[in-house]
Amino acid sequence: MESSTTSGGRTRREATRQKLYEAAVTLIAEQGFSATTVDEIAERAGVAKGTVYYNFASKSVLFEELLRHGVGLLTASLREAAEQTARGGGSRVDALDAMIRAGLVFIDRYPAFTQLYVAELWRTNRAWQSTLMVVRQEAVAVVEDVLREGIDGGEFSDEIDVPLTAAALVGMVLVAALDWQAFQPERSLDDVHAALSRLLQGRVSGQRHGREGA
């Protein structure tokens, strides 16, 4: 059985790593990866420089673990949204809708991380590129699972391209949320979710209810 001392030490280390993640993501979002130094990360986190190297071998390793940590949180929130919908007896469309909202909530909570994540997706010269591709696929795979379940249950057409559709849904949420925060900050999360929900349910080109001749 794990001792309370061991558990306490692990908790403190996790808290320290969280401080370093938050400091790194904020600084890198402000001034870029190359311009950000370990000294600045340590100062922003309120720890000694040696603490950074105790937890991470280098700034690159810190950023790689930051990406893994952040996308892991997003993946967990998407999975929980789908599972909670299933427990409540909802449809697969309901699950996708819940995942859209969970994604928006995550991005609203971690805007700086989301900006970094989206920017890094399109770079090809980073040491952590392979890690980023792995964690991206883990997030997309959660959506793929729901799509496949919907196809198997007859709720979705079997002509759906599952990998591309899942990637498109995740991309839609990421880009729409960043656009919302940068250019339409007056909108509420509920408002943005409602707009994306209408896209999901195919109501963009549908006729208005109650229209004459409908």
C-alpha atoms as a PDB file:
ATOM      1  CA  MET A   1       0.000   0.000   0.000  1.00  0.00           C
ATOM      2  CA  GLU A   2       1.292   3.496  -0.922  1.00  0.00           C
ATOM      3  CA  SER A   3       2.439   5.519   2.088  1.00  0.00           C
ATOM      4  CA  SER A   4       1.050   8.962   2.814  1.00  0.00           C
ATOM      5  CA  THR A   5       4.597  10.346   2.503  1.00  0.00           C
ATOM      6  CA  THR A   6       4.966   8.962  -1.015  1.00  0.00           C
ATOM      7  CA  SER A   7       1.506  10.183  -1.959  1.00  0.00           C
ATOM      8  CA  GLY A   8       2.223  13.635  -0.573  1.00  0.00           C
ATOM      9  CA  GLY A   9       5.488  13.872  -2.484  1.00  0.00           C
ATOM     10  CA  ARG A  10       3.771  12.883  -5.698  1.00  0.00           C
ATOM     11  CA  THR A  11       1.041  15.457  -5.132  1.00  0.00           C
ATOM     12  CA  ARG A  12       3.609  18.204  -4.560  1.00  0.00           C
ATOM     13  CA  ARG A  13       5.491  17.222  -7.691  1.00  0.00           C
ATOM     14  CA  GLU A  14       2.294  17.237  -9.743  1.00  0.00           C
ATOM     15  CA  ALA A  15       1.462  20.685  -8.378  1.00  0.00           C
ATOM     16  CA  THR A  16       4.942  21.923  -9.314  1.00  0.00           C
ATOM     17  CA  ARG A  17       4.673  20.482 -12.807  1.00  0.00           C
ATOM     18  CA  GLN A  18       1.276  22.130 -13.212  1.00  0.00           C
ATOM     19  CA  LYS A  19       2.813  25.506 -12.271  1.00  0.00           C
ATOM     20  CA  LEU A  20       5.549  24.952 -14.842  1.00  0.00           C
ATOM     21  CA  TYR A  21       3.012  23.996 -17.519  1.00  0.00           C
ATOM     22  CA  GLU A  22       0.987  27.125 -16.842  1.00  0.00           C
ATOM     23  CA  ALA A  23       4.057  29.352 -16.845  1.00  0.00           C
ATOM     24  CA  ALA A  24       5.435  27.825 -20.042  1.00  0.00           C
ATOM     25  CA  VAL A  25       2.199  27.973 -21.995  1.00  0.00           C
ATOM     26  CA  THR A  26       1.614  31.606 -21.051  1.00  0.00           C
ATOM     27  CA  LEU A  27       5.139  32.740 -21.898  1.00  0.00           C
ATOM     28  CA  ILE A  28       5.359  30.776 -25.143  1.00  0.00           C
ATOM     29  CA  ALA A  29       1.977  32.124 -26.239  1.00  0.00           C
ATOM     30  CA  GLU A  30       3.206  35.645 -25.515  1.00  0.00           C
ATOM     31  CA  GLN A  31       6.658  35.544 -27.107  1.00  0.00           C
ATOM     32  CA  GLY A  32       7.199  32.248 -28.911  1.00  0.00           C
ATOM     33  CA  PHE A  33       9.099  29.087 -28.036  1.00  0.00           C
ATOM     34  CA  SER A  34      12.573  30.216 -29.120  1.00  0.00           C
ATOM     35  CA  ALA A  35      12.395  33.530 -27.251  1.00  0.00           C
ATOM     36  CA  THR A  36      11.224  31.936 -23.997  1.00  0.00           C
ATOM     37  CA  THR A  37      13.989  30.921 -21.578  1.00  0.00           C
ATOM     38  CA  VAL A  38      14.045  28.417 -18.749  1.00  0.00           C
ATOM     39  CA  ASP A  39      14.875  31.289 -16.385  1.00  0.00           C
ATOM     40  CA  GLU A  40      11.669  33.062 -17.387  1.00  0.00           C
ATOM     41  CA  ILE A  41       9.597  29.914 -16.977  1.00  0.00           C
ATOM     42  CA  ALA A  42      11.030  29.335 -13.514  1.00  0.00           C
ATOM     43  CA  GLU A  43      10.452  32.949 -12.495  1.00  0.00           C
ATOM     44  CA  ARG A  44       6.864  32.941 -13.768  1.00  0.00           C
ATOM     45  CA  ALA A  45       6.184  29.652 -11.972  1.00  0.00           C
ATOM     46  CA  GLY A  46       7.758  30.942  -8.767  1.00  0.00           C
ATOM     47  CA  VAL A  47      10.326  28.149  -8.526  1.00  0.00           C
ATOM     48  CA  ALA A  48      14.100  27.831  -8.763  1.00  0.00           C
ATOM     49  CA  LYS A  49      15.650  27.197 -12.170  1.00  0.00           C
ATOM     50  CA  GLY A  50      16.945  23.860 -10.905  1.00  0.00           C
ATOM     51  CA  THR A  51      13.354  22.792 -10.229  1.00  0.00           C
ATOM     52  CA  VAL A  52      12.611  23.033 -13.943  1.00  0.00           C
ATOM     53  CA  TYR A  53      15.485  20.680 -14.783  1.00  0.00           C
ATOM     54  CA  TYR A  54      14.563  18.385 -11.902  1.00  0.00           C
ATOM     55  CA  ASN A  55      11.149  17.853 -13.481  1.00  0.00           C
ATOM     56  CA  PHE A  56      12.093  18.136 -17.160  1.00  0.00           C
ATOM     57  CA  ALA A  57      15.417  17.461 -18.875  1.00  0.00           C
ATOM     58  CA  SER A  58      15.140  20.544 -21.103  1.00  0.00           C
ATOM     59  CA  LYS A  59      12.805  23.271 -22.303  1.00  0.00           C
ATOM     60  CA  SER A  60      11.913  21.101 -25.303  1.00  0.00           C
ATOM     61  CA  VAL A  61      10.980  18.188 -23.053  1.00  0.00           C
ATOM     62  CA  LEU A  62       8.880  20.524 -20.915  1.00  0.00           C
ATOM     63  CA  PHE A  63       6.983  21.735 -23.968  1.00  0.00           C
ATOM     64  CA  GLU A  64       6.545  18.214 -25.301  1.00  0.00           C
ATOM     65  CA  GLU A  65       5.103  17.103 -21.973  1.00  0.00           C
ATOM     66  CA  LEU A  66       2.950  20.234 -21.909  1.00  0.00           C
ATOM     67  CA  LEU A  67       1.407  19.251 -25.239  1.00  0.00           C
ATOM     68  CA  ARG A  68       0.878  15.694 -24.030  1.00  0.00           C
ATOM     69  CA  HIS A  69      -0.682  16.922 -20.786  1.00  0.00           C
ATOM     70  CA  GLY A  70      -2.979  19.476 -22.429  1.00  0.00           C
ATOM     71  CA  VAL A  71      -4.265  17.255 -25.205  1.00  0.00           C
ATOM     72  CA  GLY A  72      -4.722  14.502 -22.627  1.00  0.00           C
ATOM     73  CA  LEU A  73      -7.042  16.767 -20.660  1.00  0.00           C
ATOM     74  CA  LEU A  74      -8.986  17.561 -23.835  1.00  0.00           C
ATOM     75  CA  THR A  75      -9.248  13.890 -24.746  1.00  0.00           C
ATOM     76  CA  ALA A  76     -10.494  12.996 -21.261  1.00  0.00           C
ATOM     77  CA  SER A  77     -13.146  15.724 -21.392  1.00  0.00           C
ATOM     78  CA  LEU A  78     -14.377  14.527 -24.795  1.00  0.00           C
ATOM     79  CA  ARG A  79     -14.527  10.918 -23.627  1.00  0.00           C
ATOM     80  CA  GLU A  80     -16.394  11.844 -20.443  1.00  0.00           C
ATOM     81  CA  ALA A  81     -18.934  13.861 -22.446  1.00  0.00           C
ATOM     82  CA  ALA A  82     -19.622  10.866 -24.710  1.00  0.00           C
ATOM     83  CA  GLU A  83     -19.813   8.400 -21.836  1.00  0.00           C
ATOM     84  CA  GLN A  84     -22.096  10.627 -19.797  1.00  0.00           C
ATOM     85  CA  THR A  85     -24.438  10.980 -22.779  1.00  0.00           C
ATOM     86  CA  ALA A  86     -24.500   7.205 -23.239  1.00  0.00           C
ATOM     87  CA  ARG A  87     -25.267   6.675 -19.541  1.00  0.00           C
ATOM     88  CA  GLY A  88     -28.186   9.067 -19.909  1.00  0.00           C
ATOM     89  CA  GLY A  89     -29.591   7.153 -22.872  1.00  0.00           C
ATOM     90  CA  GLY A  90     -28.723   9.805 -25.444  1.00  0.00           C
ATOM     91  CA  SER A  91     -28.135   9.184 -29.134  1.00  0.00           C
ATOM     92  CA  ARG A  92     -24.775   9.290 -30.905  1.00  0.00           C
ATOM     93  CA  VAL A  93     -25.698  12.715 -32.301  1.00  0.00           C
ATOM     94  CA  ASP A  94     -26.335  13.803 -28.710  1.00  0.00           C
ATOM     95  CA  ALA A  95     -22.903  12.445 -27.791  1.00  0.00           C
ATOM     96  CA  LEU A  96     -21.206  14.399 -30.582  1.00  0.00           C
ATOM     97  CA  ASP A  97     -23.090  17.515 -29.521  1.00  0.00           C
ATOM     98  CA  ALA A  98     -21.964  17.014 -25.920  1.00  0.00           C
ATOM     99  CA  MET A  99     -18.395  16.586 -27.128  1.00  0.00           C
ATOM    100  CA  ILE A 100     -18.588  19.856 -29.060  1.00  0.00           C
ATOM    101  CA  ARG A 101     -19.652  21.610 -25.884  1.00  0.00           C
ATOM    102  CA  ALA A 102     -16.927  19.884 -23.858  1.00  0.00           C
ATOM    103  CA  GLY A 103     -14.371  21.038 -26.413  1.00  0.00           C
ATOM    104  CA  LEU A 104     -15.614  24.627 -26.211  1.00  0.00           C
ATOM    105  CA  VAL A 105     -15.494  24.537 -22.407  1.00  0.00           C
ATOM    106  CA  PHE A 106     -11.911  23.236 -22.534  1.00  0.00           C
ATOM    107  CA  ILE A 107     -10.810  25.908 -25.022  1.00  0.00           C
ATOM    108  CA  ASP A 108     -12.539  28.633 -23.026  1.00  0.00           C
ATOM    109  CA  ARG A 109     -10.621  27.476 -19.958  1.00  0.00           C
ATOM    110  CA  TYR A 110      -7.262  27.008 -21.696  1.00  0.00           C
ATOM    111  CA  PRO A 111      -7.143  29.525 -24.583  1.00  0.00           C
ATOM    112  CA  ALA A 112      -3.359  29.997 -24.580  1.00  0.00           C
ATOM    113  CA  PHE A 113      -2.759  26.247 -24.737  1.00  0.00           C
ATOM    114  CA  THR A 114      -5.243  25.861 -27.582  1.00  0.00           C
ATOM    115  CA  GLN A 115      -3.533  28.588 -29.608  1.00  0.00           C
ATOM    116  CA  LEU A 116      -0.186  26.854 -29.154  1.00  0.00           C
ATOM    117  CA  TYR A 117      -1.605  23.438 -29.991  1.00  0.00           C
ATOM    118  CA  VAL A 118      -3.220  24.608 -33.227  1.00  0.00           C
ATOM    119  CA  ALA A 119      -0.058  26.489 -34.258  1.00  0.00           C
ATOM    120  CA  GLU A 120       2.194  23.507 -33.560  1.00  0.00           C
ATOM    121  CA  LEU A 121       0.010  21.135 -35.587  1.00  0.00           C
ATOM    122  CA  TRP A 122       1.222  22.770 -38.798  1.00  0.00           C
ATOM    123  CA  ARG A 123       4.943  22.848 -37.992  1.00  0.00           C
ATOM    124  CA  THR A 124       7.155  20.068 -39.308  1.00  0.00           C
ATOM    125  CA  ASN A 125      10.548  20.911 -37.821  1.00  0.00           C
ATOM    126  CA  ARG A 126       9.859  20.347 -34.139  1.00  0.00           C
ATOM    127  CA  ALA A 127      11.447  17.632 -32.024  1.00  0.00           C
ATOM    128  CA  TRP A 128       8.053  16.826 -30.523  1.00  0.00           C
ATOM    129  CA  GLN A 129       6.195  16.446 -33.856  1.00  0.00           C
ATOM    130  CA  SER A 130       5.755  12.683 -33.489  1.00  0.00           C
ATOM    131  CA  THR A 131       4.419  13.072 -29.956  1.00  0.00           C
ATOM    132  CA  LEU A 132       1.987  15.732 -31.119  1.00  0.00           C
ATOM    133  CA  MET A 133       0.668  13.458 -33.857  1.00  0.00           C
ATOM    134  CA  VAL A 134       0.130  10.653 -31.357  1.00  0.00           C
ATOM    135  CA  VAL A 135      -1.797  12.748 -28.851  1.00  0.00           C
ATOM    136  CA  ARG A 136      -3.807  14.429 -31.633  1.00  0.00           C
ATOM    137  CA  GLN A 137      -4.887  10.998 -32.855  1.00  0.00           C
ATOM    138  CA  GLU A 138      -5.925  10.018 -29.330  1.00  0.00           C
ATOM    139  CA  ALA A 139      -8.321  12.981 -29.220  1.00  0.00           C
ATOM    140  CA  VAL A 140      -9.677  12.352 -32.720  1.00  0.00           C
ATOM    141  CA  ALA A 141     -10.075   8.633 -31.958  1.00  0.00           C
ATOM    142  CA  VAL A 142     -12.651   9.417 -29.262  1.00  0.00           C
ATOM    143  CA  VAL A 143     -14.828  11.061 -31.923  1.00  0.00           C
ATOM    144  CA  GLU A 144     -14.128   8.226 -34.371  1.00  0.00           C
ATOM    145  CA  ASP A 145     -15.425   5.714 -31.822  1.00  0.00           C
ATOM    146  CA  VAL A 146     -18.752   7.548 -31.510  1.00  0.00           C
ATOM    147  CA  LEU A 147     -19.098   7.788 -35.293  1.00  0.00           C
ATOM    148  CA  ARG A 148     -18.447   4.071 -35.719  1.00  0.00           C
ATOM    149  CA  GLU A 149     -20.960   3.245 -32.991  1.00  0.00           C
ATOM    150  CA  GLY A 150     -23.510   5.411 -34.801  1.00  0.00           C
ATOM    151  CA  ILE A 151     -22.830   3.613 -38.078  1.00  0.00           C
ATOM    152  CA  ASP A 152     -23.079   0.192 -36.444  1.00  0.00           C
ATOM    153  CA  GLY A 153     -26.366   1.201 -34.805  1.00  0.00           C
ATOM    154  CA  GLY A 154     -27.841   2.548 -38.027  1.00  0.00           C
ATOM    155  CA  GLU A 155     -27.929   6.121 -36.763  1.00  0.00           C
ATOM    156  CA  PHE A 156     -25.337   7.343 -39.275  1.00  0.00           C
ATOM    157  CA  SER A 157     -24.809   6.507 -42.932  1.00  0.00           C
ATOM    158  CA  ASP A 158     -22.218   3.833 -43.587  1.00  0.00           C
ATOM    159  CA  GLU A 159     -20.845   6.078 -46.339  1.00  0.00           C
ATOM    160  CA  ILE A 160     -19.313   8.396 -43.735  1.00  0.00           C
ATOM    161  CA  ASP A 161     -15.530   8.688 -43.943  1.00  0.00           C
ATOM    162  CA  VAL A 162     -14.919   8.191 -40.229  1.00  0.00           C
ATOM    163  CA  PRO A 163     -11.302   9.452 -39.886  1.00  0.00           C
ATOM    164  CA  LEU A 164     -11.895  12.553 -42.010  1.00  0.00           C
ATOM    165  CA  THR A 165     -15.262  13.363 -40.417  1.00  0.00           C
ATOM    166  CA  ALA A 166     -13.829  13.015 -36.913  1.00  0.00           C
ATOM    167  CA  ALA A 167     -10.881  15.259 -37.798  1.00  0.00           C
ATOM    168  CA  ALA A 168     -13.275  17.781 -39.355  1.00  0.00           C
ATOM    169  CA  LEU A 169     -15.436  17.909 -36.235  1.00  0.00           C
ATOM    170  CA  VAL A 170     -12.447  18.427 -33.943  1.00  0.00           C
ATOM    171  CA  GLY A 171     -11.030  21.028 -36.306  1.00  0.00           C
ATOM    172  CA  MET A 172     -14.366  22.834 -36.499  1.00  0.00           C
ATOM    173  CA  VAL A 173     -14.490  23.209 -32.733  1.00  0.00           C
ATOM    174  CA  LEU A 174     -10.866  24.345 -32.450  1.00  0.00           C
ATOM    175  CA  VAL A 175     -11.019  26.951 -35.211  1.00  0.00           C
ATOM    176  CA  ALA A 176     -14.507  28.220 -34.348  1.00  0.00           C
ATOM    177  CA  ALA A 177     -13.554  28.599 -30.704  1.00  0.00           C
ATOM    178  CA  LEU A 178     -10.362  30.510 -31.490  1.00  0.00           C
ATOM    179  CA  ASP A 179     -12.282  32.758 -33.881  1.00  0.00           C
ATOM    180  CA  TRP A 180     -14.872  33.326 -31.160  1.00  0.00           C
ATOM    181  CA  GLN A 181     -12.286  34.354 -28.618  1.00  0.00           C
ATOM    182  CA  ALA A 182     -10.255  36.523 -30.981  1.00  0.00           C
ATOM    183  CA  PHE A 183     -12.946  38.223 -33.037  1.00  0.00           C
ATOM    184  CA  GLN A 184     -16.330  37.661 -31.382  1.00  0.00           C
ATOM    185  CA  PRO A 185     -15.637  37.688 -27.633  1.00  0.00           C
ATOM    186  CA  GLU A 186     -19.032  39.233 -26.921  1.00  0.00           C
ATOM    187  CA  ARG A 187     -20.676  35.904 -27.763  1.00  0.00           C
ATOM    188  CA  SER A 188     -21.432  33.497 -24.927  1.00  0.00           C
ATOM    189  CA  LEU A 189     -20.303  29.887 -24.859  1.00  0.00           C
ATOM    190  CA  ASP A 190     -23.943  28.818 -25.143  1.00  0.00           C
ATOM    191  CA  ASP A 191     -24.332  30.957 -28.273  1.00  0.00           C
ATOM    192  CA  VAL A 192     -21.273  29.449 -29.953  1.00  0.00           C
ATOM    193  CA  HIS A 193     -22.326  25.933 -28.975  1.00  0.00           C
ATOM    194  CA  ALA A 194     -25.808  26.485 -30.418  1.00  0.00           C
ATOM    195  CA  ALA A 195     -24.326  27.590 -33.755  1.00  0.00           C
ATOM    196  CA  LEU A 196     -22.045  24.548 -33.987  1.00  0.00           C
ATOM    197  CA  SER A 197     -24.860  22.278 -32.857  1.00  0.00           C
ATOM    198  CA  ARG A 198     -26.961  23.457 -35.803  1.00  0.00           C
ATOM    199  CA  LEU A 199     -24.068  22.616 -38.136  1.00  0.00           C
ATOM    200  CA  LEU A 200     -23.772  19.154 -36.598  1.00  0.00           C
ATOM    201  CA  GLN A 201     -27.457  18.444 -37.010  1.00  0.00           C
ATOM    202  CA  GLY A 202     -27.534  19.603 -40.630  1.00  0.00           C
ATOM    203  CA  ARG A 203     -29.903  22.486 -40.129  1.00  0.00           C
ATOM    204  CA  VAL A 204     -27.884  25.177 -41.917  1.00  0.00           C
ATOM    205  CA  SER A 205     -29.601  24.734 -45.289  1.00  0.00           C
ATOM    206  CA  GLY A 206     -32.924  23.471 -43.957  1.00  0.00           C
ATOM    207  CA  GLN A 207     -36.165  25.391 -44.374  1.00  0.00           C
ATOM    208  CA  ARG A 208     -37.435  27.482 -41.493  1.00  0.00           C
ATOM    209  CA  HIS A 209     -40.203  25.971 -39.412  1.00  0.00           C
ATOM    210  CA  GLY A 210     -43.569  27.367 -40.247  1.00  0.00           C
ATOM    211  CA  ARG A 211     -42.525  28.751 -43.644  1.00  0.00           C
ATOM    212  CA  GLU A 212     -45.352  28.912 -46.142  1.00  0.00           C
ATOM    213  CA  GLY A 213     -45.415  25.999 -48.530  1.00  0.00           C
ATOM    214  CA  ALA A 214     -43.219  23.913 -46.243  1.00  0.00           C
END
